[in-house]
C-alpha atoms as a PDB file:
ATOM      1  CA  MET A   1     108.220-178.263 104.263  1.00  0.00           C
ATOM      2  CA  PRO A   2     105.331-180.257 102.861  1.00  0.00           C
ATOM      3  CA  GLY A   3     103.940-179.566  99.427  1.00  0.00           C
ATOM      4  CA  ILE A   4     101.006-180.698  97.348  1.00  0.00           C
ATOM      5  CA  TYR A   5     101.098-181.654  93.675  1.00  0.00           C
ATOM      6  CA  ILE A   6      97.875-182.129  91.715  1.00  0.00           C
ATOM      7  CA  HIS A   7      98.128-183.630  88.243  1.00  0.00           C
ATOM      8  CA  ILE A   8      95.524-182.294  85.820  1.00  0.00           C
ATOM      9  CA  PRO A   9      95.558-184.789  82.919  1.00  0.00           C
ATOM     10  CA  PHE A  10      93.899-182.697  80.199  1.00  0.00           C
ATOM     11  CA  CYS A  11      95.468-181.056  77.143  1.00  0.00           C
ATOM     12  CA  ARG A  12      94.162-179.436  74.010  1.00  0.00           C
ATOM     13  CA  GLN A  13      96.520-181.504  71.865  1.00  0.00           C
ATOM     14  CA  ALA A  14      99.377-183.969  72.248  1.00  0.00           C
ATOM     15  CA  CYS A  15     102.892-182.554  72.115  1.00  0.00           C
ATOM     16  CA  HIS A  16     105.251-184.971  70.389  1.00  0.00           C
ATOM     17  CA  TYR A  17     107.758-185.042  73.252  1.00  0.00           C
ATOM     18  CA  CYS A  18     105.362-185.529  76.173  1.00  0.00           C
ATOM     19  CA  ASN A  19     105.528-188.704  78.264  1.00  0.00           C
ATOM     20  CA  PHE A  20     103.099-187.595  80.974  1.00  0.00           C
ATOM     21  CA  HIS A  21      99.649-189.072  81.391  1.00  0.00           C
ATOM     22  CA  PHE A  22      97.093-186.890  79.621  1.00  0.00           C
ATOM     23  CA  SER A  23      93.947-186.898  77.525  1.00  0.00           C
ATOM     24  CA  VAL A  24      93.071-184.558  74.673  1.00  0.00           C
ATOM     25  CA  SER A  25      89.411-185.317  75.265  1.00  0.00           C
ATOM     26  CA  GLN A  26      87.885-183.245  78.040  1.00  0.00           C
ATOM     27  CA  LYS A  27      84.521-185.005  78.147  1.00  0.00           C
ATOM     28  CA  ARG A  28      85.468-186.820  81.387  1.00  0.00           C
ATOM     29  CA  LYS A  29      86.689-183.635  83.062  1.00  0.00           C
ATOM     30  CA  PRO A  30      83.598-183.257  85.322  1.00  0.00           C
ATOM     31  CA  GLU A  31      83.999-186.811  86.639  1.00  0.00           C
ATOM     32  CA  PHE A  32      87.718-186.267  87.185  1.00  0.00           C
ATOM     33  CA  LEU A  33      87.131-183.050  89.135  1.00  0.00           C
ATOM     34  CA  GLN A  34      84.484-184.750  91.285  1.00  0.00           C
ATOM     35  CA  ALA A  35      86.844-187.652  92.002  1.00  0.00           C
ATOM     36  CA  LEU A  36      89.642-185.206  92.789  1.00  0.00           C
ATOM     37  CA  GLN A  37      87.495-183.547  95.468  1.00  0.00           C
ATOM     38  CA  LYS A  38      86.813-186.977  97.003  1.00  0.00           C
ATOM     39  CA  GLU A  39      90.530-187.815  96.940  1.00  0.00           C
ATOM     40  CA  ILE A  40      91.428-184.515  98.623  1.00  0.00           C
ATOM     41  CA  ALA A  41      88.956-185.300 101.429  1.00  0.00           C
ATOM     42  CA  LEU A  42      90.235-188.883 101.745  1.00  0.00           C
ATOM     43  CA  GLN A  43      93.824-187.611 102.113  1.00  0.00           C
ATOM     44  CA  LYS A  44      92.979-185.038 104.810  1.00  0.00           C
ATOM     45  CA  ASP A  45      95.114-186.859 107.400  1.00  0.00           C
ATOM     46  CA  PHE A  46      98.070-187.440 105.074  1.00  0.00           C
ATOM     47  CA  PHE A  47     100.414-184.889 106.654  1.00  0.00           C
ATOM     48  CA  ALA A  48      99.585-186.096 110.169  1.00  0.00           C
ATOM     49  CA  SER A  49     100.224-189.723 109.194  1.00  0.00           C
ATOM     50  CA  ALA A  50     103.606-188.651 107.799  1.00  0.00           C
ATOM     51  CA  GLY A  51     104.569-187.050 111.122  1.00  0.00           C
ATOM     52  CA  LEU A  52     103.741-183.537 109.903  1.00  0.00           C
ATOM     53  CA  LYS A  53     100.610-182.974 111.975  1.00  0.00           C
ATOM     54  CA  ASP A  54     101.003-179.236 112.522  1.00  0.00           C
ATOM     55  CA  GLU A  55     102.636-178.479 109.175  1.00  0.00           C
ATOM     56  CA  LYS A  56     101.001-176.459 106.428  1.00  0.00           C
ATOM     57  CA  PRO A  57     101.921-176.839 102.776  1.00  0.00           C
ATOM     58  CA  ASP A  58     104.592-174.433 101.561  1.00  0.00           C
ATOM     59  CA  THR A  59     103.717-175.143  97.952  1.00  0.00           C
ATOM     60  CA  VAL A  60     100.689-176.195  95.967  1.00  0.00           C
ATOM     61  CA  TYR A  61     101.489-177.067  92.367  1.00  0.00           C
ATOM     62  CA  LEU A  62      98.939-177.818  89.663  1.00  0.00           C
ATOM     63  CA  GLY A  63     100.769-179.561  86.836  1.00  0.00           C
ATOM     64  CA  GLY A  64      99.852-181.790  84.000  1.00  0.00           C
ATOM     65  CA  GLY A  65      98.742-182.138  81.390  1.00  0.00           C
ATOM     66  CA  THR A  66      97.688-178.556  81.105  1.00  0.00           C
ATOM     67  CA  PRO A  67      95.909-177.203  84.188  1.00  0.00           C
ATOM     68  CA  SER A  68      95.283-173.900  82.418  1.00  0.00           C
ATOM     69  CA  VAL A  69      92.534-175.614  80.399  1.00  0.00           C
ATOM     70  CA  LEU A  70      90.441-175.516  83.579  1.00  0.00           C
ATOM     71  CA  THR A  71      88.016-172.663  84.038  1.00  0.00           C
ATOM     72  CA  SER A  72      88.428-170.211  86.897  1.00  0.00           C
ATOM     73  CA  LEU A  73      85.427-171.791  88.592  1.00  0.00           C
ATOM     74  CA  GLU A  74      86.977-175.268  88.326  1.00  0.00           C
ATOM     75  CA  LEU A  75      90.322-174.007  89.655  1.00  0.00           C
ATOM     76  CA  ASN A  76      88.679-172.212  92.562  1.00  0.00           C
ATOM     77  CA  GLU A  77      86.721-175.345  93.463  1.00  0.00           C
ATOM     78  CA  ILE A  78      89.988-177.299  93.600  1.00  0.00           C
ATOM     79  CA  PHE A  79      91.623-174.634  95.744  1.00  0.00           C
ATOM     80  CA  GLY A  80      88.582-174.490  98.012  1.00  0.00           C
ATOM     81  CA  GLY A  81      88.698-178.240  98.595  1.00  0.00           C
ATOM     82  CA  LEU A  82      92.438-178.192  99.172  1.00  0.00           C
ATOM     83  CA  HIS A  83      92.355-175.246 101.546  1.00  0.00           C
ATOM     84  CA  LYS A  84      89.576-176.842 103.605  1.00  0.00           C
ATOM     85  CA  TYR A  85      91.793-179.820 104.493  1.00  0.00           C
ATOM     86  CA  PHE A  86      95.278-178.407 103.861  1.00  0.00           C
ATOM     87  CA  PRO A  87      95.182-174.716 104.776  1.00  0.00           C
ATOM     88  CA  TRP A  88      98.240-172.797 103.662  1.00  0.00           C
ATOM     89  CA  ASP A  89      99.688-169.518 104.813  1.00  0.00           C
ATOM     90  CA  ALA A  90      99.620-166.382 102.676  1.00  0.00           C
ATOM     91  CA  VAL A  91     103.325-166.889 101.885  1.00  0.00           C
ATOM     92  CA  ALA A  92     102.789-170.310 100.283  1.00  0.00           C
ATOM     93  CA  GLU A  93     103.736-170.632  96.633  1.00  0.00           C
ATOM     94  CA  ILE A  94     100.676-171.610  94.576  1.00  0.00           C
ATOM     95  CA  THR A  95     101.696-172.550  91.020  1.00  0.00           C
ATOM     96  CA  LEU A  96      99.710-173.218  87.869  1.00  0.00           C
ATOM     97  CA  GLU A  97     101.283-174.713  84.764  1.00  0.00           C
ATOM     98  CA  ALA A  98      99.875-172.914  81.748  1.00  0.00           C
ATOM     99  CA  ASN A  99     100.147-172.972  78.007  1.00  0.00           C
ATOM    100  CA  PRO A 100     100.598-169.566  76.378  1.00  0.00           C
ATOM    101  CA  ASP A 101      97.461-169.951  74.241  1.00  0.00           C
ATOM    102  CA  ASP A 102      95.366-170.278  77.417  1.00  0.00           C
ATOM    103  CA  LEU A 103      96.647-167.028  78.925  1.00  0.00           C
ATOM    104  CA  SER A 104      94.398-164.361  77.477  1.00  0.00           C
ATOM    105  CA  ARG A 105      94.184-161.052  79.319  1.00  0.00           C
ATOM    106  CA  GLU A 106      90.799-162.117  80.673  1.00  0.00           C
ATOM    107  CA  LYS A 107      92.126-165.444  81.936  1.00  0.00           C
ATOM    108  CA  LEU A 108      95.101-163.740  83.578  1.00  0.00           C
ATOM    109  CA  LYS A 109      92.778-161.291  85.350  1.00  0.00           C
ATOM    110  CA  GLU A 110      90.743-164.226  86.643  1.00  0.00           C
ATOM    111  CA  LEU A 111      93.890-166.022  87.810  1.00  0.00           C
ATOM    112  CA  LYS A 112      95.029-162.893  89.624  1.00  0.00           C
ATOM    113  CA  ASP A 113      91.862-163.104  91.736  1.00  0.00           C
ATOM    114  CA  SER A 114      92.585-166.740  92.625  1.00  0.00           C
ATOM    115  CA  PRO A 115      95.096-168.153  95.140  1.00  0.00           C
ATOM    116  CA  ILE A 116      97.617-168.612  92.294  1.00  0.00           C
ATOM    117  CA  ASN A 117     100.734-166.486  92.797  1.00  0.00           C
ATOM    118  CA  ARG A 118     103.101-168.196  90.364  1.00  0.00           C
ATOM    119  CA  LEU A 119     102.766-169.262  86.739  1.00  0.00           C
ATOM    120  CA  SER A 120     104.870-171.874  85.012  1.00  0.00           C
ATOM    121  CA  ILE A 121     104.318-170.896  81.380  1.00  0.00           C
ATOM    122  CA  GLY A 122     105.124-173.734  78.968  1.00  0.00           C
ATOM    123  CA  ILE A 123     107.199-171.935  76.369  1.00  0.00           C
ATOM    124  CA  GLN A 124     109.596-174.457  74.889  1.00  0.00           C
ATOM    125  CA  SER A 125     110.716-172.137  72.096  1.00  0.00           C
ATOM    126  CA  PHE A 126     110.038-168.811  70.396  1.00  0.00           C
ATOM    127  CA  ARG A 127     110.894-170.311  66.996  1.00  0.00           C
ATOM    128  CA  GLU A 128     107.900-171.262  64.862  1.00  0.00           C
ATOM    129  CA  GLU A 129     109.656-174.240  63.290  1.00  0.00           C
ATOM    130  CA  ASP A 130     110.474-175.675  66.722  1.00  0.00           C
ATOM    131  CA  LEU A 131     106.909-175.219  67.951  1.00  0.00           C
ATOM    132  CA  LEU A 132     105.521-176.920  64.846  1.00  0.00           C
ATOM    133  CA  TYR A 133     107.999-179.774  65.192  1.00  0.00           C
ATOM    134  CA  MET A 134     106.946-180.293  68.827  1.00  0.00           C
ATOM    135  CA  ASN A 135     103.249-179.987  67.906  1.00  0.00           C
ATOM    136  CA  ARG A 136     102.732-177.232  70.474  1.00  0.00           C
ATOM    137  CA  SER A 137      99.271-175.683  70.647  1.00  0.00           C
ATOM    138  CA  HIS A 138     100.590-172.113  70.483  1.00  0.00           C
ATOM    139  CA  ASN A 139     102.767-170.087  68.151  1.00  0.00           C
ATOM    140  CA  ALA A 140     105.663-167.749  68.914  1.00  0.00           C
ATOM    141  CA  GLY A 141     103.430-164.679  68.885  1.00  0.00           C
ATOM    142  CA  GLN A 142     101.112-166.210  71.471  1.00  0.00           C
ATOM    143  CA  ALA A 143     104.123-167.089  73.621  1.00  0.00           C
ATOM    144  CA  ARG A 144     105.394-163.501  73.574  1.00  0.00           C
ATOM    145  CA  ALA A 145     101.901-162.119  74.226  1.00  0.00           C
ATOM    146  CA  ALA A 146     101.401-164.466  77.182  1.00  0.00           C
ATOM    147  CA  LEU A 147     104.612-163.208  78.806  1.00  0.00           C
ATOM    148  CA  GLU A 148     103.788-159.568  78.130  1.00  0.00           C
ATOM    149  CA  ASN A 149     100.247-159.946  79.467  1.00  0.00           C
ATOM    150  CA  ALA A 150     101.422-161.859  82.538  1.00  0.00           C
ATOM    151  CA  LEU A 151     103.926-159.135  83.362  1.00  0.00           C
ATOM    152  CA  LYS A 152     101.196-156.500  83.126  1.00  0.00           C
END
């Protein structure tokens, strides 16, 4: 059961508890995305070299950082590159980590038209004081709205 994890190292702001590699500056995002496409192509034989020649990924997980800062076009380019070299079946779980403040109704509609079939919504609390303490980029209202909109 092979899977693919792609780390997207961009965030809108730094949460006080985070120990992952990230940047709050997105000015190098185009170069990163170009390098990511090259890396995907370079790794095309990875499953075969691991003795999984005829295997397809069961999961594709975009984590971070905050992958939901990517535009739909950027996400679809990543998925296009991945699917070219690592085609997955329709039953594969395709996950995007997302911050609630990124999940507008429009963004969710765009994501619905992408390969993504699972969201990991980063809601650490519904209490304003907790969110402020953690330096989260959303408030409790945005967290509730993101869940409600995602369910719709």
